[in-house]
């Protein structure tokens, strides 16, 4: 059953408010959220959800933002995956993106949704084929099932929100949370200014800096160290890579969290501490 006009208008309004909140987040510098003790008491860091509604609900419950006014929440990558509509097989993950927008609108200074490769694919119409299924097409079929003739109008409200999402969150102790790291950072030049300046349309294209960073899966220690040096970090916390145990530590710089499986990991860090990679790993927990 197609959503009512009132509901469609509410969804569009939520994205408009979330886009404005992204652009006006007071702790944002360029495309990076910079959090210290004066901005937040602690930060809950999560990772890819890919339509996993139960894990999304667990994150909201554990974050308990109403009960913890000094807590910030970092989320990333909800598009593509999870349940489908029975009628046409369309992907229902668009509903998670809508709920993320509502969270950002409700907590404009404390919820930070990072730009990730699957949201970038929706923004740029970059095709993703997985298990012989075109994920972009399934995503739009899901929207068509939910919104009927208004699907494209709703989708156009998604685009400014995705485009306005930050690339990273920086925490005390030279910790950078971002979706992934680019390949071959140890012997190629990356435009690190993407973290500090307004992005141009060409920055989002295939094999440009943003694309390379969001799609990268080069977990060599040399690569991680080079990227960390380029972004002035000692510890990198990523999503992007599936982790059967909920998290992984591929080298002495990176930590990977994953929230789209049965074992889903998160970590809550105090902004009054400057933990090492080893100390952060010891604080990682699994969603209930």
C-alpha atoms as a PDB file:
ATOM      1  CA  UNK A   1       0.000   0.000   0.000  1.00  0.00           C
ATOM      2  CA  UNK A   2       1.404   3.358  -1.072  1.00  0.00           C
ATOM      3  CA  UNK A   3       2.135   5.801   1.751  1.00  0.00           C
ATOM      4  CA  UNK A   4      -0.213   8.699   2.362  1.00  0.00           C
ATOM      5  CA  UNK A   5       0.556  12.202   1.143  1.00  0.00           C
ATOM      6  CA  UNK A   6       0.966  13.291   4.758  1.00  0.00           C
ATOM      7  CA  UNK A   7       3.559  10.596   5.426  1.00  0.00           C
ATOM      8  CA  UNK A   8       5.449  11.399   2.233  1.00  0.00           C
ATOM      9  CA  UNK A   9       5.566  15.062   3.193  1.00  0.00           C
ATOM     10  CA  UNK A  10       6.868  14.100   6.641  1.00  0.00           C
ATOM     11  CA  UNK A  11       9.687  12.040   5.113  1.00  0.00           C
ATOM     12  CA  UNK A  12      10.714  14.871   2.800  1.00  0.00           C
ATOM     13  CA  UNK A  13      10.582  17.362   5.681  1.00  0.00           C
ATOM     14  CA  UNK A  14      12.788  15.068   7.780  1.00  0.00           C
ATOM     15  CA  UNK A  15      15.439  14.940   5.054  1.00  0.00           C
ATOM     16  CA  UNK A  16      15.320  18.693   4.575  1.00  0.00           C
ATOM     17  CA  UNK A  17      15.810  19.205   8.309  1.00  0.00           C
ATOM     18  CA  UNK A  18      18.597  16.613   8.455  1.00  0.00           C
ATOM     19  CA  UNK A  19      20.415  18.221   5.528  1.00  0.00           C
ATOM     20  CA  UNK A  20      20.256  21.591   7.245  1.00  0.00           C
ATOM     21  CA  UNK A  21      21.501  19.994  10.465  1.00  0.00           C
ATOM     22  CA  UNK A  22      24.446  18.406   8.634  1.00  0.00           C
ATOM     23  CA  UNK A  23      25.485  21.741   7.209  1.00  0.00           C
ATOM     24  CA  UNK A  24      25.045  23.605  10.496  1.00  0.00           C
ATOM     25  CA  UNK A  25      26.593  21.094  12.911  1.00  0.00           C
ATOM     26  CA  UNK A  26      28.674  23.419  15.119  1.00  0.00           C
ATOM     27  CA  UNK A  27      31.523  20.923  15.560  1.00  0.00           C
ATOM     28  CA  UNK A  28      31.939  20.469  11.819  1.00  0.00           C
ATOM     29  CA  UNK A  29      35.055  21.820  10.133  1.00  0.00           C
ATOM     30  CA  UNK A  30      34.982  21.192   6.412  1.00  0.00           C
ATOM     31  CA  UNK A  31      33.865  17.571   6.102  1.00  0.00           C
ATOM     32  CA  UNK A  32      35.096  16.496   9.525  1.00  0.00           C
ATOM     33  CA  UNK A  33      33.297  16.517  12.877  1.00  0.00           C
ATOM     34  CA  UNK A  34      35.802  17.424  15.599  1.00  0.00           C
ATOM     35  CA  UNK A  35      34.749  16.414  19.106  1.00  0.00           C
ATOM     36  CA  UNK A  36      36.483  17.220  22.366  1.00  0.00           C
ATOM     37  CA  UNK A  37      35.537  17.343  26.046  1.00  0.00           C
ATOM     38  CA  UNK A  38      33.786  20.683  25.602  1.00  0.00           C
ATOM     39  CA  UNK A  39      31.530  19.208  22.888  1.00  0.00           C
ATOM     40  CA  UNK A  40      30.750  15.703  24.129  1.00  0.00           C
ATOM     41  CA  UNK A  41      31.275  13.524  27.169  1.00  0.00           C
ATOM     42  CA  UNK A  42      31.440  10.341  25.126  1.00  0.00           C
ATOM     43  CA  UNK A  43      30.941   9.060  21.591  1.00  0.00           C
ATOM     44  CA  UNK A  44      29.222   5.820  20.593  1.00  0.00           C
ATOM     45  CA  UNK A  45      30.741   4.544  17.346  1.00  0.00           C
ATOM     46  CA  UNK A  46      28.887   2.035  15.177  1.00  0.00           C
ATOM     47  CA  UNK A  47      29.324   0.705  11.656  1.00  0.00           C
ATOM     48  CA  UNK A  48      27.566  -0.712   8.581  1.00  0.00           C
ATOM     49  CA  UNK A  49      23.955  -1.811   8.990  1.00  0.00           C
ATOM     50  CA  UNK A  50      22.820  -2.576   5.427  1.00  0.00           C
ATOM     51  CA  UNK A  51      19.145  -2.696   6.235  1.00  0.00           C
ATOM     52  CA  UNK A  52      19.519  -4.624   9.506  1.00  0.00           C
ATOM     53  CA  UNK A  53      16.508  -3.234  11.390  1.00  0.00           C
ATOM     54  CA  UNK A  54      17.043  -5.197  14.622  1.00  0.00           C
ATOM     55  CA  UNK A  55      20.616  -3.973  15.012  1.00  0.00           C
ATOM     56  CA  UNK A  56      19.531  -0.432  14.175  1.00  0.00           C
ATOM     57  CA  UNK A  57      16.912  -0.584  16.924  1.00  0.00           C
ATOM     58  CA  UNK A  58      19.503  -1.964  19.347  1.00  0.00           C
ATOM     59  CA  UNK A  59      21.837   0.912  18.567  1.00  0.00           C
ATOM     60  CA  UNK A  60      19.104   3.466  19.216  1.00  0.00           C
ATOM     61  CA  UNK A  61      18.212   1.758  22.489  1.00  0.00           C
ATOM     62  CA  UNK A  62      21.805   1.480  23.698  1.00  0.00           C
ATOM     63  CA  UNK A  63      22.637   5.028  22.633  1.00  0.00           C
ATOM     64  CA  UNK A  64      19.717   6.288  24.767  1.00  0.00           C
ATOM     65  CA  UNK A  65      20.371   9.834  23.631  1.00  0.00           C
ATOM     66  CA  UNK A  66      17.530  11.275  25.680  1.00  0.00           C
ATOM     67  CA  UNK A  67      19.005   9.806  28.863  1.00  0.00           C
ATOM     68  CA  UNK A  68      22.601  10.723  27.992  1.00  0.00           C
ATOM     69  CA  UNK A  69      22.670  14.366  26.856  1.00  0.00           C
ATOM     70  CA  UNK A  70      26.465  14.328  26.704  1.00  0.00           C
ATOM     71  CA  UNK A  71      26.624  11.357  24.320  1.00  0.00           C
ATOM     72  CA  UNK A  72      27.137  11.580  20.562  1.00  0.00           C
ATOM     73  CA  UNK A  73      26.300   8.785  18.114  1.00  0.00           C
ATOM     74  CA  UNK A  74      28.263   7.965  14.956  1.00  0.00           C
ATOM     75  CA  UNK A  75      26.544   5.821  12.319  1.00  0.00           C
ATOM     76  CA  UNK A  76      27.300   4.774   8.752  1.00  0.00           C
ATOM     77  CA  UNK A  77      26.044   2.812   5.756  1.00  0.00           C
ATOM     78  CA  UNK A  78      22.430   1.706   6.055  1.00  0.00           C
ATOM     79  CA  UNK A  79      21.520   1.366   2.362  1.00  0.00           C
ATOM     80  CA  UNK A  80      21.277  -1.949   0.459  1.00  0.00           C
ATOM     81  CA  UNK A  81      20.424  -5.161   2.255  1.00  0.00           C
ATOM     82  CA  UNK A  82      17.986  -6.522   4.784  1.00  0.00           C
ATOM     83  CA  UNK A  83      14.323  -7.425   4.210  1.00  0.00           C
ATOM     84  CA  UNK A  84      12.468  -6.898   0.940  1.00  0.00           C
ATOM     85  CA  UNK A  85       8.902  -6.020  -0.005  1.00  0.00           C
ATOM     86  CA  UNK A  86       6.913  -9.188  -0.749  1.00  0.00           C
ATOM     87  CA  UNK A  87       5.131  -7.689  -3.752  1.00  0.00           C
ATOM     88  CA  UNK A  88       8.105  -6.708  -5.911  1.00  0.00           C
ATOM     89  CA  UNK A  89      11.245  -7.804  -4.049  1.00  0.00           C
ATOM     90  CA  UNK A  90      12.304  -4.185  -3.551  1.00  0.00           C
ATOM     91  CA  UNK A  91      14.834  -3.370  -0.836  1.00  0.00           C
ATOM     92  CA  UNK A  92      13.385  -1.904   2.357  1.00  0.00           C
ATOM     93  CA  UNK A  93      16.669  -0.374   3.536  1.00  0.00           C
ATOM     94  CA  UNK A  94      15.467   3.053   2.393  1.00  0.00           C
ATOM     95  CA  UNK A  95      13.401   3.068   5.607  1.00  0.00           C
ATOM     96  CA  UNK A  96      16.615   2.971   7.670  1.00  0.00           C
ATOM     97  CA  UNK A  97      18.005   5.929   5.760  1.00  0.00           C
ATOM     98  CA  UNK A  98      14.793   7.776   6.556  1.00  0.00           C
ATOM     99  CA  UNK A  99      15.118   6.894  10.243  1.00  0.00           C
ATOM    100  CA  UNK A 100      18.718   8.128  10.246  1.00  0.00           C
ATOM    101  CA  UNK A 101      17.491  11.441   8.833  1.00  0.00           C
ATOM    102  CA  UNK A 102      14.880  11.641  11.593  1.00  0.00           C
ATOM    103  CA  UNK A 103      17.581  10.996  14.212  1.00  0.00           C
ATOM    104  CA  UNK A 104      19.801  13.708  12.770  1.00  0.00           C
ATOM    105  CA  UNK A 105      16.877  16.140  12.722  1.00  0.00           C
ATOM    106  CA  UNK A 106      15.977  15.279  16.334  1.00  0.00           C
ATOM    107  CA  UNK A 107      19.559  15.429  17.646  1.00  0.00           C
ATOM    108  CA  UNK A 108      21.187  17.801  15.160  1.00  0.00           C
ATOM    109  CA  UNK A 109      24.387  18.334  17.126  1.00  0.00           C
ATOM    110  CA  UNK A 110      24.836  14.774  18.460  1.00  0.00           C
ATOM    111  CA  UNK A 111      24.088  12.361  15.613  1.00  0.00           C
ATOM    112  CA  UNK A 112      26.702  12.066  12.857  1.00  0.00           C
ATOM    113  CA  UNK A 113      26.035   9.897   9.806  1.00  0.00           C
ATOM    114  CA  UNK A 114      29.209   9.341   7.778  1.00  0.00           C
ATOM    115  CA  UNK A 115      29.278   9.233   4.005  1.00  0.00           C
ATOM    116  CA  UNK A 116      29.824   5.616   2.955  1.00  0.00           C
ATOM    117  CA  UNK A 117      30.243   3.868  -0.377  1.00  0.00           C
ATOM    118  CA  UNK A 118      26.694   2.508  -0.710  1.00  0.00           C
ATOM    119  CA  UNK A 119      25.118   5.893  -0.028  1.00  0.00           C
ATOM    120  CA  UNK A 120      27.635   7.421  -2.442  1.00  0.00           C
ATOM    121  CA  UNK A 121      26.475   4.871  -5.043  1.00  0.00           C
ATOM    122  CA  UNK A 122      22.908   6.108  -4.653  1.00  0.00           C
ATOM    123  CA  UNK A 123      24.048   9.705  -4.916  1.00  0.00           C
ATOM    124  CA  UNK A 124      26.091   9.173  -8.081  1.00  0.00           C
ATOM    125  CA  UNK A 125      24.115   6.321  -9.703  1.00  0.00           C
ATOM    126  CA  UNK A 126      27.167   4.091  -9.430  1.00  0.00           C
ATOM    127  CA  UNK A 127      25.939   0.510 -10.048  1.00  0.00           C
ATOM    128  CA  UNK A 128      26.580  -2.140  -7.400  1.00  0.00           C
ATOM    129  CA  UNK A 129      26.114  -5.769  -8.400  1.00  0.00           C
ATOM    130  CA  UNK A 130      26.159  -8.333  -5.573  1.00  0.00           C
ATOM    131  CA  UNK A 131      25.147 -11.977  -5.798  1.00  0.00           C
ATOM    132  CA  UNK A 132      23.819 -11.266  -9.309  1.00  0.00           C
ATOM    133  CA  UNK A 133      21.474  -8.625  -7.944  1.00  0.00           C
ATOM    134  CA  UNK A 134      21.623  -4.937  -8.869  1.00  0.00           C
ATOM    135  CA  UNK A 135      21.376  -3.279  -5.475  1.00  0.00           C
ATOM    136  CA  UNK A 136      20.564   0.188  -6.801  1.00  0.00           C
ATOM    137  CA  UNK A 137      17.645  -1.168  -8.785  1.00  0.00           C
ATOM    138  CA  UNK A 138      16.283  -3.091  -5.808  1.00  0.00           C
ATOM    139  CA  UNK A 139      16.577   0.050  -3.683  1.00  0.00           C
ATOM    140  CA  UNK A 140      14.481   2.021  -6.156  1.00  0.00           C
ATOM    141  CA  UNK A 141      11.969  -0.803  -6.453  1.00  0.00           C
ATOM    142  CA  UNK A 142      11.563  -0.597  -2.705  1.00  0.00           C
ATOM    143  CA  UNK A 143      10.932   3.118  -2.884  1.00  0.00           C
ATOM    144  CA  UNK A 144       8.475   2.581  -5.730  1.00  0.00           C
ATOM    145  CA  UNK A 145       6.567   0.082  -3.608  1.00  0.00           C
ATOM    146  CA  UNK A 146       6.458   2.483  -0.663  1.00  0.00           C
ATOM    147  CA  UNK A 147       5.777   5.767  -2.430  1.00  0.00           C
ATOM    148  CA  UNK A 148       4.319   4.975  -5.828  1.00  0.00           C
ATOM    149  CA  UNK A 149       4.294   8.016  -8.145  1.00  0.00           C
ATOM    150  CA  UNK A 150       6.011  10.114  -5.447  1.00  0.00           C
ATOM    151  CA  UNK A 151       9.076   7.823  -5.249  1.00  0.00           C
ATOM    152  CA  UNK A 152      11.327  10.064  -7.316  1.00  0.00           C
ATOM    153  CA  UNK A 153      10.256  13.154  -5.395  1.00  0.00           C
ATOM    154  CA  UNK A 154      11.173  11.426  -2.133  1.00  0.00           C
ATOM    155  CA  UNK A 155      14.448  10.191  -3.590  1.00  0.00           C
ATOM    156  CA  UNK A 156      15.385  13.717  -4.604  1.00  0.00           C
ATOM    157  CA  UNK A 157      15.054  14.693  -0.936  1.00  0.00           C
ATOM    158  CA  UNK A 158      17.576  11.963  -0.061  1.00  0.00           C
ATOM    159  CA  UNK A 159      20.277  13.355  -2.335  1.00  0.00           C
ATOM    160  CA  UNK A 160      21.162  16.653  -0.566  1.00  0.00           C
ATOM    161  CA  UNK A 161      21.254  14.804   2.748  1.00  0.00           C
ATOM    162  CA  UNK A 162      23.699  12.196   1.461  1.00  0.00           C
ATOM    163  CA  UNK A 163      25.791  14.863  -0.253  1.00  0.00           C
ATOM    164  CA  UNK A 164      26.012  16.858   2.991  1.00  0.00           C
ATOM    165  CA  UNK A 165      27.170  13.972   5.195  1.00  0.00           C
ATOM    166  CA  UNK A 166      30.635  14.337   6.766  1.00  0.00           C
ATOM    167  CA  UNK A 167      33.558  12.119   5.824  1.00  0.00           C
ATOM    168  CA  UNK A 168      34.935  11.624   9.310  1.00  0.00           C
ATOM    169  CA  UNK A 169      34.785  12.239  13.036  1.00  0.00           C
ATOM    170  CA  UNK A 170      37.968  13.209  14.863  1.00  0.00           C
ATOM    171  CA  UNK A 171      38.378  12.403  18.580  1.00  0.00           C
ATOM    172  CA  UNK A 172      41.049  13.202  21.173  1.00  0.00           C
ATOM    173  CA  UNK A 173      44.099  10.985  20.989  1.00  0.00           C
ATOM    174  CA  UNK A 174      44.407  11.486  17.227  1.00  0.00           C
ATOM    175  CA  UNK A 175      41.571   9.071  16.490  1.00  0.00           C
ATOM    176  CA  UNK A 176      39.763   9.363  13.161  1.00  0.00           C
ATOM    177  CA  UNK A 177      36.505   7.552  12.438  1.00  0.00           C
ATOM    178  CA  UNK A 178      35.801   7.250   8.692  1.00  0.00           C
ATOM    179  CA  UNK A 179      34.229   4.608   6.486  1.00  0.00           C
ATOM    180  CA  UNK A 180      37.445   3.149   5.084  1.00  0.00           C
ATOM    181  CA  UNK A 181      40.909   4.004   3.811  1.00  0.00           C
ATOM    182  CA  UNK A 182      42.081   4.348   0.209  1.00  0.00           C
ATOM    183  CA  UNK A 183      44.265   1.705  -1.423  1.00  0.00           C
ATOM    184  CA  UNK A 184      47.937   2.308  -2.122  1.00  0.00           C
ATOM    185  CA  UNK A 185      48.149   5.346   0.166  1.00  0.00           C
ATOM    186  CA  UNK A 186      51.774   4.426   0.812  1.00  0.00           C
ATOM    187  CA  UNK A 187      52.858   5.030  -2.781  1.00  0.00           C
ATOM    188  CA  UNK A 188      50.204   7.249  -4.359  1.00  0.00           C
ATOM    189  CA  UNK A 189      48.972  10.767  -3.744  1.00  0.00           C
ATOM    190  CA  UNK A 190      45.583  11.297  -2.159  1.00  0.00           C
ATOM    191  CA  UNK A 191      43.878  14.669  -2.033  1.00  0.00           C
ATOM    192  CA  UNK A 192      43.590  14.951   1.741  1.00  0.00           C
ATOM    193  CA  UNK A 193      41.965  18.358   1.386  1.00  0.00           C
ATOM    194  CA  UNK A 194      38.616  16.542   0.942  1.00  0.00           C
ATOM    195  CA  UNK A 195      38.371  16.453   4.734  1.00  0.00           C
ATOM    196  CA  UNK A 196      38.726  20.217   5.035  1.00  0.00           C
ATOM    197  CA  UNK A 197      36.981  21.868   2.090  1.00  0.00           C
ATOM    198  CA  UNK A 198      33.632  21.898   0.327  1.00  0.00           C
ATOM    199  CA  UNK A 199      33.398  18.957  -2.042  1.00  0.00           C
ATOM    200  CA  UNK A 200      32.985  19.524  -5.760  1.00  0.00           C
ATOM    201  CA  UNK A 201      30.850  17.161  -7.894  1.00  0.00           C
ATOM    202  CA  UNK A 202      33.961  15.677  -9.488  1.00  0.00           C
ATOM    203  CA  UNK A 203      35.321  14.678  -6.055  1.00  0.00           C
ATOM    204  CA  UNK A 204      32.588  12.029  -5.883  1.00  0.00           C
ATOM    205  CA  UNK A 205      33.324  10.371  -9.216  1.00  0.00           C
ATOM    206  CA  UNK A 206      34.909   6.961  -9.676  1.00  0.00           C
ATOM    207  CA  UNK A 207      38.610   6.815  -8.772  1.00  0.00           C
ATOM    208  CA  UNK A 208      38.661  10.319  -7.320  1.00  0.00           C
ATOM    209  CA  UNK A 209      39.660  10.894  -3.683  1.00  0.00           C
ATOM    210  CA  UNK A 210      36.281  10.403  -1.975  1.00  0.00           C
ATOM    211  CA  UNK A 211      35.471   7.317  -4.044  1.00  0.00           C
ATOM    212  CA  UNK A 212      38.873   5.768  -3.387  1.00  0.00           C
ATOM    213  CA  UNK A 213      38.606   6.334   0.346  1.00  0.00           C
ATOM    214  CA  UNK A 214      35.071   4.971   0.695  1.00  0.00           C
ATOM    215  CA  UNK A 215      35.660   1.880  -1.460  1.00  0.00           C
ATOM    216  CA  UNK A 216      39.210   1.036  -0.336  1.00  0.00           C
ATOM    217  CA  UNK A 217      40.032  -2.381   1.127  1.00  0.00           C
ATOM    218  CA  UNK A 218      43.800  -2.246   1.427  1.00  0.00           C
ATOM    219  CA  UNK A 219      44.541  -3.352   4.984  1.00  0.00           C
ATOM    220  CA  UNK A 220      48.296  -3.616   4.725  1.00  0.00           C
ATOM    221  CA  UNK A 221      50.012  -2.006   7.709  1.00  0.00           C
ATOM    222  CA  UNK A 222      52.065   0.195   5.386  1.00  0.00           C
ATOM    223  CA  UNK A 223      48.937   1.507   3.719  1.00  0.00           C
ATOM    224  CA  UNK A 224      47.181   2.164   7.022  1.00  0.00           C
ATOM    225  CA  UNK A 225      50.184   4.025   8.426  1.00  0.00           C
ATOM    226  CA  UNK A 226      50.495   6.183   5.313  1.00  0.00           C
ATOM    227  CA  UNK A 227      46.815   7.118   5.350  1.00  0.00           C
ATOM    228  CA  UNK A 228      46.921   7.779   9.092  1.00  0.00           C
ATOM    229  CA  UNK A 229      49.883  10.082   8.619  1.00  0.00           C
ATOM    230  CA  UNK A 230      48.059  11.925   5.828  1.00  0.00           C
ATOM    231  CA  UNK A 231      45.003  12.532   8.016  1.00  0.00           C
ATOM    232  CA  UNK A 232      47.067  13.253  11.147  1.00  0.00           C
ATOM    233  CA  UNK A 233      45.807  10.251  13.093  1.00  0.00           C
ATOM    234  CA  UNK A 234      47.276   7.475  15.198  1.00  0.00           C
ATOM    235  CA  UNK A 235      44.200   5.236  15.215  1.00  0.00           C
ATOM    236  CA  UNK A 236      41.680   4.701  12.410  1.00  0.00           C
ATOM    237  CA  UNK A 237      38.230   3.276  13.130  1.00  0.00           C
ATOM    238  CA  UNK A 238      36.381   2.053  10.027  1.00  0.00           C
ATOM    239  CA  UNK A 239      33.356   0.153   8.839  1.00  0.00           C
ATOM    240  CA  UNK A 240      33.082  -1.188   5.266  1.00  0.00           C
ATOM    241  CA  UNK A 241      34.560  -4.660   5.755  1.00  0.00           C
ATOM    242  CA  UNK A 242      32.344  -7.596   6.838  1.00  0.00           C
ATOM    243  CA  UNK A 243      33.531  -9.019  10.174  1.00  0.00           C
ATOM    244  CA  UNK A 244      32.111 -12.407  11.266  1.00  0.00           C
ATOM    245  CA  UNK A 245      33.084 -11.647  14.870  1.00  0.00           C
ATOM    246  CA  UNK A 246      31.690  -8.097  14.740  1.00  0.00           C
ATOM    247  CA  UNK A 247      35.077  -6.401  14.576  1.00  0.00           C
ATOM    248  CA  UNK A 248      38.602  -6.926  13.289  1.00  0.00           C
ATOM    249  CA  UNK A 249      42.081  -5.513  13.913  1.00  0.00           C
ATOM    250  CA  UNK A 250      43.980  -5.966  10.632  1.00  0.00           C
ATOM    251  CA  UNK A 251      47.110  -4.060  11.679  1.00  0.00           C
ATOM    252  CA  UNK A 252      48.515  -1.775  14.387  1.00  0.00           C
ATOM    253  CA  UNK A 253      46.585   1.295  13.188  1.00  0.00           C
ATOM    254  CA  UNK A 254      43.109   0.233  12.047  1.00  0.00           C
ATOM    255  CA  UNK A 255      40.061  -1.104  13.862  1.00  0.00           C
ATOM    256  CA  UNK A 256      37.081  -2.310  11.802  1.00  0.00           C
ATOM    257  CA  UNK A 257      33.572  -2.462  13.260  1.00  0.00           C
ATOM    258  CA  UNK A 258      30.615  -4.230  11.644  1.00  0.00           C
ATOM    259  CA  UNK A 259      26.928  -3.959  12.629  1.00  0.00           C
ATOM    260  CA  UNK A 260      25.138  -5.898   9.892  1.00  0.00           C
ATOM    261  CA  UNK A 261      25.503  -9.454  11.163  1.00  0.00           C
ATOM    262  CA  UNK A 262      24.515 -11.599  14.126  1.00  0.00           C
ATOM    263  CA  UNK A 263      27.640 -10.428  15.913  1.00  0.00           C
ATOM    264  CA  UNK A 264      27.552  -6.641  15.696  1.00  0.00           C
ATOM    265  CA  UNK A 265      30.118  -4.457  17.449  1.00  0.00           C
ATOM    266  CA  UNK A 266      30.278  -0.926  18.754  1.00  0.00           C
ATOM    267  CA  UNK A 267      32.491   1.086  21.074  1.00  0.00           C
ATOM    268  CA  UNK A 268      31.842   4.032  23.385  1.00  0.00           C
ATOM    269  CA  UNK A 269      34.821   6.337  23.893  1.00  0.00           C
ATOM    270  CA  UNK A 270      35.225   9.097  26.449  1.00  0.00           C
ATOM    271  CA  UNK A 271      36.444  12.410  25.053  1.00  0.00           C
ATOM    272  CA  UNK A 272      38.449  12.969  28.235  1.00  0.00           C
ATOM    273  CA  UNK A 273      40.769  10.096  27.406  1.00  0.00           C
ATOM    274  CA  UNK A 274      43.288   9.451  24.658  1.00  0.00           C
ATOM    275  CA  UNK A 275      43.239   5.678  24.278  1.00  0.00           C
ATOM    276  CA  UNK A 276      45.641   3.618  22.244  1.00  0.00           C
ATOM    277  CA  UNK A 277      44.428   1.141  19.636  1.00  0.00           C
ATOM    278  CA  UNK A 278      44.853  -1.691  22.146  1.00  0.00           C
ATOM    279  CA  UNK A 279      42.831   0.153  24.784  1.00  0.00           C
ATOM    280  CA  UNK A 280      40.027   0.876  22.293  1.00  0.00           C
ATOM    281  CA  UNK A 281      39.834  -2.781  21.258  1.00  0.00           C
ATOM    282  CA  UNK A 282      39.354  -3.785  24.898  1.00  0.00           C
ATOM    283  CA  UNK A 283      36.351  -1.451  25.111  1.00  0.00           C
ATOM    284  CA  UNK A 284      34.531  -2.905  22.079  1.00  0.00           C
ATOM    285  CA  UNK A 285      31.183  -4.546  22.895  1.00  0.00           C
ATOM    286  CA  UNK A 286      28.614  -6.531  20.960  1.00  0.00           C
ATOM    287  CA  UNK A 287      25.037  -5.371  20.498  1.00  0.00           C
ATOM    288  CA  UNK A 288      22.504  -7.156  22.678  1.00  0.00           C
END
